[in-house]
N, C-alpha and C. Protein backbone atom coordinates (compact mmCIF):
# COMPACT_ATOMS: atom_id res chain seq x y z
N MET A 1 0.82 -1.20 0.00
CA MET A 1 0.00 0.00 0.00
C MET A 1 0.86 1.26 0.00
N ASN A 2 2.02 1.22 0.64
CA ASN A 2 2.88 2.39 0.72
C ASN A 2 3.90 2.44 -0.42
N ARG A 3 3.72 1.64 -1.43
CA ARG A 3 4.66 1.60 -2.54
C ARG A 3 4.54 2.85 -3.39
N PHE A 4 5.68 3.28 -3.90
CA PHE A 4 5.73 4.44 -4.78
C PHE A 4 5.01 4.12 -6.08
N SER A 5 4.27 5.08 -6.61
CA SER A 5 3.56 4.91 -7.87
C SER A 5 3.82 6.11 -8.76
N ALA A 6 4.50 5.86 -9.88
CA ALA A 6 4.78 6.94 -10.83
C ALA A 6 3.48 7.50 -11.40
N THR A 7 2.49 6.65 -11.60
CA THR A 7 1.21 7.12 -12.13
C THR A 7 0.53 8.06 -11.15
N ASP A 8 0.52 7.69 -9.88
CA ASP A 8 -0.09 8.56 -8.87
C ASP A 8 0.67 9.87 -8.74
N LEU A 9 2.00 9.82 -8.84
CA LEU A 9 2.80 11.04 -8.78
C LEU A 9 2.52 11.92 -10.00
N ALA A 10 2.36 11.31 -11.17
CA ALA A 10 2.04 12.07 -12.39
C ALA A 10 0.67 12.73 -12.28
N LEU A 11 -0.31 12.02 -11.73
CA LEU A 11 -1.64 12.60 -11.53
C LEU A 11 -1.59 13.76 -10.54
N LEU A 12 -0.81 13.61 -9.48
CA LEU A 12 -0.63 14.70 -8.51
C LEU A 12 -0.01 15.92 -9.19
N PHE A 13 1.06 15.70 -9.95
CA PHE A 13 1.74 16.79 -10.64
C PHE A 13 0.79 17.51 -11.60
N LEU A 14 0.07 16.75 -12.42
CA LEU A 14 -0.87 17.34 -13.38
C LEU A 14 -1.98 18.09 -12.66
N ARG A 15 -2.54 17.47 -11.65
CA ARG A 15 -3.63 18.07 -10.88
C ARG A 15 -3.22 19.39 -10.24
N VAL A 16 -2.08 19.41 -9.59
CA VAL A 16 -1.64 20.61 -8.86
C VAL A 16 -1.20 21.70 -9.82
N THR A 17 -0.39 21.37 -10.82
CA THR A 17 0.12 22.40 -11.73
C THR A 17 -0.97 22.98 -12.61
N ALA A 18 -1.83 22.15 -13.17
CA ALA A 18 -2.91 22.65 -14.02
C ALA A 18 -3.88 23.50 -13.21
N SER A 19 -4.20 23.05 -12.01
CA SER A 19 -5.12 23.81 -11.16
C SER A 19 -4.52 25.14 -10.72
N ALA A 20 -3.23 25.13 -10.37
CA ALA A 20 -2.57 26.38 -9.98
C ALA A 20 -2.54 27.37 -11.14
N LEU A 21 -2.32 26.87 -12.34
CA LEU A 21 -2.32 27.72 -13.53
C LEU A 21 -3.67 28.40 -13.72
N VAL A 22 -4.74 27.63 -13.66
CA VAL A 22 -6.09 28.20 -13.81
C VAL A 22 -6.38 29.17 -12.67
N LEU A 23 -6.04 28.80 -11.46
CA LEU A 23 -6.31 29.64 -10.30
C LEU A 23 -5.60 30.99 -10.41
N PHE A 24 -4.32 30.99 -10.73
CA PHE A 24 -3.55 32.24 -10.74
C PHE A 24 -3.73 33.06 -12.01
N VAL A 25 -3.93 32.42 -13.15
CA VAL A 25 -4.07 33.16 -14.41
C VAL A 25 -5.50 33.64 -14.63
N HIS A 26 -6.49 32.86 -14.22
CA HIS A 26 -7.89 33.20 -14.49
C HIS A 26 -8.71 33.50 -13.24
N GLY A 27 -8.64 32.63 -12.25
CA GLY A 27 -9.53 32.73 -11.10
C GLY A 27 -9.29 33.92 -10.20
N LEU A 28 -8.07 34.05 -9.70
CA LEU A 28 -7.78 35.15 -8.77
C LEU A 28 -7.97 36.52 -9.41
N PRO A 29 -7.55 36.74 -10.66
CA PRO A 29 -7.84 38.05 -11.27
C PRO A 29 -9.34 38.37 -11.33
N LYS A 30 -10.17 37.36 -11.53
CA LYS A 30 -11.62 37.60 -11.55
C LYS A 30 -12.13 38.03 -10.17
N VAL A 31 -11.58 37.43 -9.12
CA VAL A 31 -11.99 37.79 -7.76
C VAL A 31 -11.43 39.16 -7.37
N LEU A 32 -10.17 39.39 -7.66
CA LEU A 32 -9.51 40.63 -7.25
C LEU A 32 -10.01 41.85 -8.01
N HIS A 33 -10.48 41.64 -9.24
CA HIS A 33 -10.96 42.75 -10.08
C HIS A 33 -12.41 42.49 -10.48
N TYR A 34 -13.22 42.11 -9.50
CA TYR A 34 -14.59 41.67 -9.74
C TYR A 34 -15.40 42.69 -10.55
N ALA A 35 -15.37 43.96 -10.17
CA ALA A 35 -16.20 44.97 -10.83
C ALA A 35 -15.83 45.13 -12.30
N SER A 36 -14.55 45.21 -12.59
CA SER A 36 -14.15 45.36 -14.00
C SER A 36 -14.40 44.07 -14.77
N GLN A 37 -14.25 42.92 -14.12
CA GLN A 37 -14.55 41.65 -14.78
C GLN A 37 -16.04 41.52 -15.09
N LEU A 38 -16.86 42.04 -14.20
CA LEU A 38 -18.31 41.99 -14.40
C LEU A 38 -18.71 42.79 -15.63
N ASP A 39 -18.05 43.91 -15.85
CA ASP A 39 -18.32 44.72 -17.04
C ASP A 39 -17.81 44.04 -18.31
N ALA A 40 -16.68 43.34 -18.20
CA ALA A 40 -16.01 42.81 -19.38
C ALA A 40 -16.47 41.42 -19.80
N ILE A 41 -17.03 40.64 -18.89
CA ILE A 41 -17.31 39.23 -19.19
C ILE A 41 -18.40 39.10 -20.26
N GLU A 42 -18.18 38.14 -21.14
CA GLU A 42 -19.19 37.79 -22.15
C GLU A 42 -20.27 36.95 -21.46
N ASP A 43 -21.48 37.00 -22.00
CA ASP A 43 -22.59 36.22 -21.45
C ASP A 43 -23.24 35.42 -22.58
N PRO A 44 -22.52 34.40 -23.11
CA PRO A 44 -23.00 33.70 -24.30
C PRO A 44 -24.26 32.87 -24.08
N LEU A 45 -24.53 32.48 -22.86
CA LEU A 45 -25.72 31.67 -22.57
C LEU A 45 -26.89 32.51 -22.08
N HIS A 46 -26.69 33.83 -22.02
CA HIS A 46 -27.73 34.79 -21.61
C HIS A 46 -28.29 34.47 -20.22
N LEU A 47 -27.39 34.15 -19.31
CA LEU A 47 -27.78 33.88 -17.92
C LEU A 47 -27.69 35.12 -17.05
N GLY A 48 -27.13 36.17 -17.59
CA GLY A 48 -26.84 37.38 -16.83
C GLY A 48 -25.37 37.40 -16.46
N LYS A 49 -24.79 38.59 -16.49
CA LYS A 49 -23.35 38.69 -16.25
C LYS A 49 -22.96 38.26 -14.84
N THR A 50 -23.80 38.55 -13.86
CA THR A 50 -23.47 38.18 -12.47
C THR A 50 -23.40 36.67 -12.32
N LEU A 51 -24.39 35.95 -12.84
CA LEU A 51 -24.39 34.49 -12.76
C LEU A 51 -23.25 33.89 -13.58
N THR A 52 -23.01 34.45 -14.76
CA THR A 52 -21.92 33.96 -15.60
C THR A 52 -20.58 34.13 -14.91
N LEU A 53 -20.33 35.31 -14.34
CA LEU A 53 -19.07 35.53 -13.63
C LEU A 53 -18.99 34.66 -12.38
N GLY A 54 -20.10 34.48 -11.70
CA GLY A 54 -20.12 33.60 -10.52
C GLY A 54 -19.74 32.18 -10.88
N PHE A 55 -20.27 31.67 -11.99
CA PHE A 55 -19.91 30.32 -12.43
C PHE A 55 -18.45 30.26 -12.82
N ALA A 56 -17.96 31.29 -13.51
CA ALA A 56 -16.55 31.31 -13.90
C ALA A 56 -15.65 31.32 -12.66
N ILE A 57 -16.02 32.08 -11.65
CA ILE A 57 -15.23 32.12 -10.41
C ILE A 57 -15.28 30.76 -9.71
N PHE A 58 -16.45 30.14 -9.68
CA PHE A 58 -16.56 28.79 -9.11
C PHE A 58 -15.64 27.83 -9.85
N ALA A 59 -15.69 27.87 -11.19
CA ALA A 59 -14.89 26.96 -12.00
C ALA A 59 -13.40 27.24 -11.89
N GLU A 60 -13.02 28.50 -11.71
CA GLU A 60 -11.61 28.87 -11.78
C GLU A 60 -10.97 29.16 -10.42
N VAL A 61 -11.76 29.12 -9.34
CA VAL A 61 -11.20 29.30 -7.99
C VAL A 61 -11.54 28.09 -7.12
N VAL A 62 -12.82 27.81 -6.95
CA VAL A 62 -13.24 26.73 -6.05
C VAL A 62 -12.80 25.37 -6.59
N CYS A 63 -13.07 25.11 -7.86
CA CYS A 63 -12.73 23.80 -8.43
C CYS A 63 -11.22 23.53 -8.42
N PRO A 64 -10.37 24.49 -8.79
CA PRO A 64 -8.93 24.23 -8.68
C PRO A 64 -8.47 23.94 -7.25
N LEU A 65 -9.05 24.63 -6.27
CA LEU A 65 -8.68 24.36 -4.88
C LEU A 65 -9.08 22.94 -4.47
N LEU A 66 -10.27 22.52 -4.88
CA LEU A 66 -10.70 21.14 -4.61
C LEU A 66 -9.76 20.14 -5.28
N MET A 67 -9.38 20.45 -6.51
CA MET A 67 -8.52 19.53 -7.25
C MET A 67 -7.12 19.46 -6.66
N ILE A 68 -6.58 20.58 -6.22
CA ILE A 68 -5.26 20.57 -5.59
C ILE A 68 -5.28 19.65 -4.37
N ALA A 69 -6.36 19.72 -3.60
CA ALA A 69 -6.50 18.86 -2.42
C ALA A 69 -6.86 17.43 -2.79
N GLY A 70 -7.32 17.21 -4.00
CA GLY A 70 -7.73 15.88 -4.42
C GLY A 70 -9.11 15.50 -3.94
N ILE A 71 -9.95 16.50 -3.71
CA ILE A 71 -11.32 16.28 -3.23
C ILE A 71 -12.28 16.40 -4.41
N ALA A 72 -13.08 15.39 -4.65
CA ALA A 72 -14.06 15.38 -5.75
C ALA A 72 -13.40 15.78 -7.06
N THR A 73 -12.25 15.20 -7.32
CA THR A 73 -11.40 15.62 -8.44
C THR A 73 -12.08 15.49 -9.79
N ARG A 74 -12.66 14.35 -10.06
CA ARG A 74 -13.30 14.16 -11.37
C ARG A 74 -14.45 15.14 -11.57
N LEU A 75 -15.24 15.32 -10.54
CA LEU A 75 -16.36 16.26 -10.61
C LEU A 75 -15.87 17.70 -10.74
N ALA A 76 -14.82 18.05 -10.03
CA ALA A 76 -14.28 19.42 -10.06
C ALA A 76 -13.65 19.76 -11.40
N ALA A 77 -13.23 18.77 -12.16
CA ALA A 77 -12.64 19.03 -13.48
C ALA A 77 -13.70 19.47 -14.49
N LEU A 78 -14.93 19.06 -14.31
CA LEU A 78 -15.98 19.32 -15.30
C LEU A 78 -16.31 20.80 -15.50
N PRO A 79 -16.47 21.62 -14.45
CA PRO A 79 -16.75 23.04 -14.69
C PRO A 79 -15.63 23.76 -15.44
N ILE A 80 -14.38 23.39 -15.16
CA ILE A 80 -13.26 24.01 -15.87
C ILE A 80 -13.33 23.63 -17.34
N MET A 81 -13.64 22.38 -17.63
CA MET A 81 -13.78 21.94 -19.01
C MET A 81 -14.95 22.65 -19.69
N LEU A 82 -16.04 22.84 -18.97
CA LEU A 82 -17.21 23.52 -19.52
C LEU A 82 -16.89 24.97 -19.87
N VAL A 83 -16.21 25.68 -18.97
CA VAL A 83 -15.83 27.07 -19.24
C VAL A 83 -14.92 27.14 -20.46
N SER A 84 -13.98 26.22 -20.57
CA SER A 84 -13.07 26.19 -21.72
C SER A 84 -13.82 25.90 -23.01
N ALA A 85 -14.75 24.96 -22.97
CA ALA A 85 -15.53 24.62 -24.15
C ALA A 85 -16.42 25.79 -24.58
N ILE A 86 -17.01 26.49 -23.62
CA ILE A 86 -17.84 27.66 -23.94
C ILE A 86 -16.98 28.75 -24.55
N ALA A 87 -15.79 28.96 -24.01
CA ALA A 87 -14.88 29.96 -24.57
C ALA A 87 -14.53 29.63 -26.01
N LEU A 88 -14.24 28.37 -26.29
CA LEU A 88 -13.88 27.97 -27.65
C LEU A 88 -15.07 27.95 -28.60
N GLY A 89 -16.20 27.42 -28.13
CA GLY A 89 -17.33 27.20 -29.02
C GLY A 89 -18.29 28.35 -29.17
N LEU A 90 -18.39 29.22 -28.17
CA LEU A 90 -19.39 30.29 -28.23
C LEU A 90 -18.78 31.69 -28.19
N VAL A 91 -17.81 31.90 -27.33
CA VAL A 91 -17.28 33.25 -27.13
C VAL A 91 -16.23 33.60 -28.18
N HIS A 92 -15.35 32.66 -28.48
CA HIS A 92 -14.22 32.94 -29.38
C HIS A 92 -14.23 31.98 -30.57
N ARG A 93 -15.33 31.89 -31.25
CA ARG A 93 -15.43 30.99 -32.41
C ARG A 93 -14.43 31.32 -33.50
N GLU A 94 -14.02 32.59 -33.54
CA GLU A 94 -13.11 33.03 -34.61
C GLU A 94 -11.66 32.61 -34.36
N TRP A 95 -11.36 32.12 -33.17
CA TRP A 95 -9.99 31.73 -32.86
C TRP A 95 -9.51 30.60 -33.75
N THR A 96 -8.28 30.72 -34.20
CA THR A 96 -7.63 29.61 -34.88
C THR A 96 -7.17 28.62 -33.81
N LEU A 97 -6.67 27.49 -34.24
CA LEU A 97 -6.15 26.51 -33.29
C LEU A 97 -5.03 27.12 -32.46
N GLY A 98 -4.18 27.89 -33.10
CA GLY A 98 -3.08 28.54 -32.39
C GLY A 98 -3.56 29.56 -31.37
N GLN A 99 -4.57 30.32 -31.72
CA GLN A 99 -5.09 31.32 -30.78
C GLN A 99 -5.81 30.67 -29.60
N GLY A 100 -6.42 29.55 -29.84
CA GLY A 100 -7.17 28.86 -28.79
C GLY A 100 -6.40 27.76 -28.09
N GLN A 101 -5.09 27.72 -28.32
CA GLN A 101 -4.32 26.58 -27.80
C GLN A 101 -4.37 26.47 -26.28
N PHE A 102 -4.44 27.59 -25.55
CA PHE A 102 -4.50 27.50 -24.09
C PHE A 102 -5.80 26.83 -23.65
N ALA A 103 -6.91 27.21 -24.26
CA ALA A 103 -8.19 26.58 -23.91
C ALA A 103 -8.19 25.10 -24.29
N TRP A 104 -7.60 24.77 -25.44
CA TRP A 104 -7.50 23.36 -25.83
C TRP A 104 -6.63 22.58 -24.85
N MET A 105 -5.54 23.20 -24.40
CA MET A 105 -4.67 22.54 -23.42
C MET A 105 -5.42 22.30 -22.11
N LEU A 106 -6.23 23.28 -21.69
CA LEU A 106 -7.03 23.10 -20.48
C LEU A 106 -7.99 21.93 -20.64
N LEU A 107 -8.64 21.86 -21.80
CA LEU A 107 -9.56 20.73 -22.05
C LEU A 107 -8.82 19.40 -21.99
N ILE A 108 -7.63 19.35 -22.57
CA ILE A 108 -6.85 18.11 -22.56
C ILE A 108 -6.40 17.76 -21.15
N MET A 109 -5.85 18.74 -20.43
CA MET A 109 -5.34 18.47 -19.08
C MET A 109 -6.46 18.06 -18.13
N PHE A 110 -7.55 18.82 -18.12
CA PHE A 110 -8.62 18.52 -17.17
C PHE A 110 -9.45 17.33 -17.63
N GLY A 111 -9.48 17.06 -18.93
CA GLY A 111 -10.09 15.83 -19.42
C GLY A 111 -9.31 14.61 -18.93
N THR A 112 -7.99 14.72 -18.96
CA THR A 112 -7.14 13.65 -18.44
C THR A 112 -7.38 13.44 -16.95
N ILE A 113 -7.50 14.52 -16.21
CA ILE A 113 -7.77 14.42 -14.77
C ILE A 113 -9.16 13.82 -14.53
N ALA A 114 -10.14 14.23 -15.33
CA ALA A 114 -11.49 13.68 -15.18
C ALA A 114 -11.50 12.17 -15.43
N LEU A 115 -10.69 11.72 -16.37
CA LEU A 115 -10.62 10.29 -16.65
C LEU A 115 -9.77 9.54 -15.62
N GLY A 116 -8.65 10.14 -15.22
CA GLY A 116 -7.70 9.45 -14.35
C GLY A 116 -7.98 9.57 -12.87
N GLY A 117 -8.71 10.60 -12.48
CA GLY A 117 -9.01 10.81 -11.07
C GLY A 117 -7.85 11.45 -10.33
N ALA A 118 -7.94 11.45 -9.02
CA ALA A 118 -6.95 12.13 -8.18
C ALA A 118 -5.67 11.32 -8.00
N GLY A 119 -5.76 10.03 -8.11
CA GLY A 119 -4.62 9.20 -7.76
C GLY A 119 -4.58 8.98 -6.25
N ARG A 120 -3.52 8.35 -5.79
CA ARG A 120 -3.41 8.00 -4.38
C ARG A 120 -3.06 9.20 -3.50
N TYR A 121 -2.34 10.17 -4.04
CA TYR A 121 -1.87 11.30 -3.24
C TYR A 121 -2.92 12.40 -3.22
N ARG A 122 -3.77 12.33 -2.20
CA ARG A 122 -4.88 13.28 -2.07
C ARG A 122 -5.31 13.31 -0.61
N ILE A 123 -6.15 14.28 -0.29
CA ILE A 123 -6.71 14.33 1.06
C ILE A 123 -7.88 13.36 1.09
N ALA A 124 -7.81 12.38 1.95
CA ALA A 124 -8.87 11.38 2.04
C ALA A 124 -9.96 11.88 2.98
N LEU A 125 -11.17 11.89 2.49
CA LEU A 125 -12.31 12.26 3.31
C LEU A 125 -12.80 11.04 4.07
N PRO A 126 -13.40 11.25 5.25
CA PRO A 126 -13.93 10.10 5.98
C PRO A 126 -15.05 9.44 5.18
N PRO A 127 -15.21 8.14 5.35
CA PRO A 127 -16.29 7.45 4.63
C PRO A 127 -17.65 8.04 4.99
N HIS A 128 -18.56 7.95 4.06
CA HIS A 128 -19.92 8.45 4.26
C HIS A 128 -20.58 7.64 5.38
N ALA A 129 -21.42 8.28 6.15
CA ALA A 129 -22.06 7.64 7.31
C ALA A 129 -22.83 6.39 6.91
N SER A 130 -23.49 6.40 5.76
CA SER A 130 -24.27 5.24 5.35
C SER A 130 -23.36 4.05 5.06
N ARG A 131 -22.15 4.30 4.59
CA ARG A 131 -21.21 3.21 4.35
C ARG A 131 -20.73 2.62 5.67
N GLN A 132 -20.58 3.45 6.69
CA GLN A 132 -20.12 2.97 7.99
C GLN A 132 -21.15 2.04 8.62
N ARG A 133 -22.41 2.33 8.42
CA ARG A 133 -23.47 1.50 9.01
C ARG A 133 -23.51 0.12 8.37
N GLN A 134 -23.12 0.01 7.10
CA GLN A 134 -23.20 -1.26 6.40
C GLN A 134 -22.13 -2.23 6.86
N THR A 135 -21.01 -1.74 7.39
CA THR A 135 -19.91 -2.64 7.76
C THR A 135 -20.04 -3.20 9.14
């Protein structure tokens, strides 16, 4: 059980570095400059700028923090992938592959995390109460 696993180490590295990149490049600037971001954000789904920015902040701040800790990793990867897909498919349709390469890289990295999960190196949550009753 305590054996070294290169796969688990690779998942940890990908999870932490990709999440830190999203957090520092996209998430924190949205929080720190909320008012200007609210004016600037596109609203391609017509949900309202406040809700759109709120979802973006959730995807780019909360989800990366969960992923760094290894909590609900597969689930936390999905909002980041959704924001990237919306950016590519609705907001920036005119982008060439080269212009959209960062969004494509995010889709690839977080898609890999969604498929691979957190790996062994993560914060383990206590088992759910209903599982404890069954044993």
